[in-house]
N, C-alpha and C. Protein backbone atom coordinates (compact mmCIF):
# COMPACT_ATOMS: atom_id res chain seq x y z
N MET A 1 0.82 -1.19 0.00
CA MET A 1 0.00 0.00 0.00
C MET A 1 0.87 1.26 0.00
N GLY A 2 2.01 1.24 0.72
CA GLY A 2 2.90 2.39 0.80
C GLY A 2 3.49 2.77 -0.54
N TYR A 3 3.72 1.73 -1.38
CA TYR A 3 4.28 1.99 -2.71
C TYR A 3 3.27 2.71 -3.60
N VAL A 4 2.02 2.42 -3.46
CA VAL A 4 0.98 3.05 -4.27
C VAL A 4 0.89 4.53 -3.93
N VAL A 5 0.94 4.88 -2.64
CA VAL A 5 0.87 6.28 -2.22
C VAL A 5 2.09 7.03 -2.71
N ARG A 6 3.26 6.40 -2.59
CA ARG A 6 4.49 7.04 -3.09
C ARG A 6 4.41 7.27 -4.59
N PHE A 7 3.92 6.27 -5.32
CA PHE A 7 3.78 6.37 -6.76
C PHE A 7 2.83 7.50 -7.14
N LEU A 8 1.68 7.60 -6.44
CA LEU A 8 0.72 8.67 -6.72
C LEU A 8 1.30 10.05 -6.39
N LEU A 9 2.00 10.17 -5.28
CA LEU A 9 2.61 11.45 -4.92
C LEU A 9 3.71 11.84 -5.91
N LEU A 10 4.49 10.86 -6.34
CA LEU A 10 5.53 11.13 -7.32
C LEU A 10 4.91 11.56 -8.64
N GLY A 11 3.82 10.91 -9.05
CA GLY A 11 3.12 11.30 -10.27
C GLY A 11 2.57 12.71 -10.17
N LEU A 12 1.98 13.05 -9.03
CA LEU A 12 1.45 14.40 -8.81
C LEU A 12 2.58 15.44 -8.87
N LEU A 13 3.70 15.12 -8.25
CA LEU A 13 4.85 16.03 -8.28
C LEU A 13 5.34 16.25 -9.71
N ILE A 14 5.41 15.18 -10.49
CA ILE A 14 5.86 15.30 -11.89
C ILE A 14 4.90 16.16 -12.69
N VAL A 15 3.59 15.96 -12.49
CA VAL A 15 2.59 16.76 -13.22
C VAL A 15 2.73 18.23 -12.85
N LEU A 16 2.87 18.54 -11.56
CA LEU A 16 3.01 19.94 -11.13
C LEU A 16 4.28 20.58 -11.66
N LEU A 17 5.38 19.84 -11.65
CA LEU A 17 6.63 20.38 -12.20
C LEU A 17 6.52 20.62 -13.70
N ALA A 18 5.88 19.70 -14.40
CA ALA A 18 5.72 19.86 -15.86
C ALA A 18 4.86 21.08 -16.17
N ARG A 19 3.75 21.26 -15.44
CA ARG A 19 2.90 22.44 -15.65
C ARG A 19 3.66 23.73 -15.38
N SER A 20 4.41 23.75 -14.30
CA SER A 20 5.19 24.95 -13.97
C SER A 20 6.21 25.25 -15.05
N PHE A 21 6.89 24.22 -15.53
CA PHE A 21 7.88 24.40 -16.58
C PHE A 21 7.24 24.97 -17.84
N TRP A 22 6.10 24.43 -18.28
CA TRP A 22 5.47 24.91 -19.50
C TRP A 22 4.88 26.31 -19.34
N LYS A 23 4.41 26.64 -18.14
CA LYS A 23 3.94 28.02 -17.91
C LYS A 23 5.12 28.99 -17.99
N LEU A 24 6.26 28.59 -17.44
CA LEU A 24 7.45 29.44 -17.51
C LEU A 24 7.89 29.62 -18.96
N VAL A 25 7.94 28.55 -19.71
CA VAL A 25 8.35 28.63 -21.11
C VAL A 25 7.36 29.50 -21.89
N GLY A 26 6.06 29.32 -21.65
CA GLY A 26 5.04 30.13 -22.33
C GLY A 26 5.19 31.62 -22.01
N SER A 27 5.48 31.93 -20.76
CA SER A 27 5.67 33.34 -20.37
C SER A 27 6.90 33.94 -21.03
N ILE A 28 7.96 33.16 -21.12
CA ILE A 28 9.19 33.65 -21.76
C ILE A 28 8.94 33.91 -23.24
N VAL A 29 8.25 32.99 -23.90
CA VAL A 29 7.95 33.16 -25.33
C VAL A 29 7.05 34.37 -25.54
N GLU A 30 6.03 34.53 -24.70
CA GLU A 30 5.13 35.67 -24.83
C GLU A 30 5.88 36.99 -24.60
N GLY A 31 6.73 37.01 -23.60
CA GLY A 31 7.51 38.22 -23.33
C GLY A 31 8.48 38.55 -24.44
N ALA A 32 9.06 37.53 -25.04
CA ALA A 32 10.02 37.75 -26.12
C ALA A 32 9.33 38.19 -27.40
N SER A 33 8.09 37.74 -27.61
CA SER A 33 7.41 38.08 -28.85
C SER A 33 6.82 39.48 -28.83
N SER A 34 6.46 39.97 -27.66
CA SER A 34 5.93 41.34 -27.58
C SER A 34 7.09 42.30 -27.32
N GLY A 35 6.87 43.55 -27.67
CA GLY A 35 7.91 44.55 -27.45
C GLY A 35 8.05 44.88 -25.98
N PRO A 36 8.94 45.79 -25.68
CA PRO A 36 9.12 46.18 -24.28
C PRO A 36 7.87 46.87 -23.75
N ALA A 37 7.66 46.74 -22.46
CA ALA A 37 6.50 47.36 -21.82
C ALA A 37 6.59 48.88 -21.97
N VAL A 38 5.49 49.49 -22.34
CA VAL A 38 5.46 50.94 -22.53
C VAL A 38 4.97 51.57 -21.23
N ARG A 39 5.81 52.36 -20.63
CA ARG A 39 5.44 53.05 -19.42
C ARG A 39 5.61 54.55 -19.65
N PRO A 40 4.73 55.35 -19.06
CA PRO A 40 4.91 56.79 -19.22
C PRO A 40 6.22 57.23 -18.60
N ARG A 41 6.88 58.11 -19.28
CA ARG A 41 8.17 58.59 -18.79
C ARG A 41 7.96 59.66 -17.75
N ALA A 42 8.67 59.54 -16.67
CA ALA A 42 8.67 60.58 -15.65
C ALA A 42 9.63 61.67 -16.12
N PRO A 43 9.36 62.90 -15.76
CA PRO A 43 10.28 63.96 -16.18
C PRO A 43 11.64 63.77 -15.53
N GLY A 44 12.67 64.14 -16.27
CA GLY A 44 14.02 64.03 -15.73
C GLY A 44 14.29 65.10 -14.69
N ARG A 45 15.43 65.02 -14.10
CA ARG A 45 15.80 66.03 -13.11
C ARG A 45 16.00 67.37 -13.79
N GLY A 46 15.58 68.39 -13.12
CA GLY A 46 15.78 69.74 -13.63
C GLY A 46 14.74 70.19 -14.63
N VAL A 47 13.66 69.44 -14.80
CA VAL A 47 12.61 69.85 -15.72
C VAL A 47 11.75 70.90 -15.02
N PRO A 48 11.60 72.08 -15.64
CA PRO A 48 10.76 73.10 -14.99
C PRO A 48 9.30 72.66 -14.99
N MET A 49 8.63 72.93 -13.89
CA MET A 49 7.23 72.55 -13.77
C MET A 49 6.39 73.80 -13.55
N ALA A 50 5.11 73.68 -13.90
CA ALA A 50 4.18 74.80 -13.74
C ALA A 50 3.13 74.40 -12.71
N ARG A 51 2.63 75.40 -11.99
CA ARG A 51 1.62 75.12 -10.97
C ARG A 51 0.23 75.43 -11.51
N ASP A 52 -0.68 74.48 -11.35
CA ASP A 52 -2.07 74.66 -11.75
C ASP A 52 -2.68 75.73 -10.84
N PRO A 53 -3.23 76.82 -11.42
CA PRO A 53 -3.75 77.90 -10.58
C PRO A 53 -5.03 77.55 -9.83
N VAL A 54 -5.69 76.45 -10.19
CA VAL A 54 -6.94 76.08 -9.53
C VAL A 54 -6.68 75.19 -8.33
N CYS A 55 -5.95 74.09 -8.52
CA CYS A 55 -5.77 73.14 -7.42
C CYS A 55 -4.37 73.14 -6.82
N GLY A 56 -3.42 73.77 -7.50
CA GLY A 56 -2.07 73.85 -6.96
C GLY A 56 -1.16 72.70 -7.33
N THR A 57 -1.63 71.78 -8.14
CA THR A 57 -0.81 70.65 -8.56
C THR A 57 0.28 71.12 -9.51
N PHE A 58 1.49 70.57 -9.34
CA PHE A 58 2.57 70.89 -10.26
C PHE A 58 2.51 69.93 -11.44
N VAL A 59 2.64 70.47 -12.64
CA VAL A 59 2.57 69.68 -13.86
C VAL A 59 3.75 70.03 -14.77
N VAL A 60 4.12 69.05 -15.60
CA VAL A 60 5.15 69.28 -16.61
C VAL A 60 4.46 70.02 -17.76
N PRO A 61 4.93 71.20 -18.12
CA PRO A 61 4.24 71.99 -19.16
C PRO A 61 4.04 71.26 -20.48
N SER A 62 4.97 70.41 -20.86
CA SER A 62 4.82 69.71 -22.14
C SER A 62 3.71 68.67 -22.12
N ALA A 63 3.30 68.23 -20.93
CA ALA A 63 2.25 67.22 -20.82
C ALA A 63 0.95 67.79 -20.25
N ALA A 64 0.94 69.08 -19.95
CA ALA A 64 -0.23 69.69 -19.30
C ALA A 64 -1.24 70.19 -20.32
N LEU A 65 -2.47 70.34 -19.85
CA LEU A 65 -3.50 71.02 -20.65
C LEU A 65 -3.23 72.52 -20.49
N THR A 66 -3.37 73.28 -21.55
CA THR A 66 -3.03 74.70 -21.48
C THR A 66 -4.20 75.56 -21.93
N LEU A 67 -4.11 76.82 -21.55
CA LEU A 67 -5.07 77.82 -21.96
C LEU A 67 -4.27 79.07 -22.27
N ASN A 68 -4.46 79.63 -23.45
CA ASN A 68 -3.72 80.81 -23.87
C ASN A 68 -4.67 82.00 -23.85
N VAL A 69 -4.42 82.92 -22.91
CA VAL A 69 -5.25 84.11 -22.78
C VAL A 69 -4.34 85.33 -22.92
N LYS A 70 -4.58 86.11 -23.96
CA LYS A 70 -3.82 87.33 -24.23
C LYS A 70 -2.31 87.07 -24.25
N GLY A 71 -1.92 85.98 -24.89
CA GLY A 71 -0.50 85.66 -25.03
C GLY A 71 0.13 85.01 -23.82
N ARG A 72 -0.63 84.81 -22.75
CA ARG A 72 -0.09 84.18 -21.54
C ARG A 72 -0.61 82.75 -21.48
N VAL A 73 0.30 81.78 -21.43
CA VAL A 73 -0.07 80.37 -21.39
C VAL A 73 -0.16 79.93 -19.94
N THR A 74 -1.30 79.33 -19.58
CA THR A 74 -1.51 78.81 -18.23
C THR A 74 -1.67 77.31 -18.34
N CYS A 75 -1.00 76.56 -17.46
CA CYS A 75 -1.01 75.10 -17.49
C CYS A 75 -1.96 74.55 -16.43
N PHE A 76 -2.65 73.45 -16.78
CA PHE A 76 -3.61 72.81 -15.88
C PHE A 76 -3.35 71.32 -15.83
N CYS A 77 -3.71 70.72 -14.69
CA CYS A 77 -3.52 69.27 -14.52
C CYS A 77 -4.65 68.47 -15.14
N SER A 78 -5.83 69.08 -15.28
CA SER A 78 -6.97 68.33 -15.82
C SER A 78 -7.94 69.27 -16.52
N GLU A 79 -8.84 68.67 -17.28
CA GLU A 79 -9.87 69.44 -17.97
C GLU A 79 -10.79 70.12 -16.96
N THR A 80 -11.03 69.47 -15.84
CA THR A 80 -11.89 70.04 -14.79
C THR A 80 -11.31 71.35 -14.27
N CYS A 81 -10.01 71.37 -14.02
CA CYS A 81 -9.37 72.59 -13.53
C CYS A 81 -9.39 73.69 -14.60
N ARG A 82 -9.15 73.30 -15.85
CA ARG A 82 -9.17 74.30 -16.91
C ARG A 82 -10.56 74.91 -17.05
N GLN A 83 -11.60 74.10 -16.98
CA GLN A 83 -12.96 74.61 -17.07
C GLN A 83 -13.31 75.49 -15.87
N ALA A 84 -12.84 75.12 -14.69
CA ALA A 84 -13.09 75.93 -13.49
C ALA A 84 -12.41 77.29 -13.63
N TYR A 85 -11.21 77.30 -14.19
CA TYR A 85 -10.48 78.55 -14.38
C TYR A 85 -11.20 79.45 -15.39
N GLU A 86 -11.68 78.83 -16.48
CA GLU A 86 -12.40 79.61 -17.50
C GLU A 86 -13.72 80.16 -16.95
N ALA A 87 -14.34 79.42 -16.03
CA ALA A 87 -15.60 79.86 -15.44
C ALA A 87 -15.39 80.91 -14.37
N GLY A 88 -14.13 81.17 -14.01
CA GLY A 88 -13.83 82.20 -13.01
C GLY A 88 -14.04 81.76 -11.58
N GLU A 89 -14.04 80.45 -11.35
CA GLU A 89 -14.19 79.96 -9.99
C GLU A 89 -12.95 80.32 -9.18
N PRO A 90 -13.12 80.58 -7.89
CA PRO A 90 -11.96 80.94 -7.06
C PRO A 90 -10.99 79.78 -6.94
N ALA A 91 -9.74 80.11 -6.77
CA ALA A 91 -8.71 79.09 -6.64
C ALA A 91 -8.88 78.31 -5.35
N ARG A 92 -8.68 77.01 -5.42
CA ARG A 92 -8.74 76.15 -4.24
C ARG A 92 -7.32 75.78 -3.88
N SER A 93 -7.03 75.72 -2.61
CA SER A 93 -5.70 75.28 -2.21
C SER A 93 -5.68 73.75 -2.21
N ALA A 94 -4.49 73.19 -2.39
CA ALA A 94 -4.38 71.73 -2.44
C ALA A 94 -4.74 71.12 -1.10
N SER A 95 -4.58 71.84 0.00
CA SER A 95 -4.87 71.27 1.32
C SER A 95 -6.35 71.25 1.63
N SER A 96 -7.18 72.02 0.89
CA SER A 96 -8.60 72.06 1.18
C SER A 96 -9.39 70.99 0.44
N ARG A 97 -8.71 70.13 -0.29
CA ARG A 97 -9.40 69.07 -1.04
C ARG A 97 -9.77 67.95 -0.15
């Protein structure tokens, strides 16, 4: 009886190892076939940032939403802040959120 249990446990171990091996191989093949993961780039050191006049969030000007009024460009973190600014709503401090 002890040999049967050992045989079944050994068979189960072999099946689990084989599944793990093929999952690993499949993941490697999938990773190699697709390009590198695309992640948004964080700004480098020394990049000047602009402060959103509505909520106070600092944004990278090249990635911010902007509004040009009389030749002055104002940067915003979101469409909501830009619309609030255009509507003339008072500025909110970041701590009051």
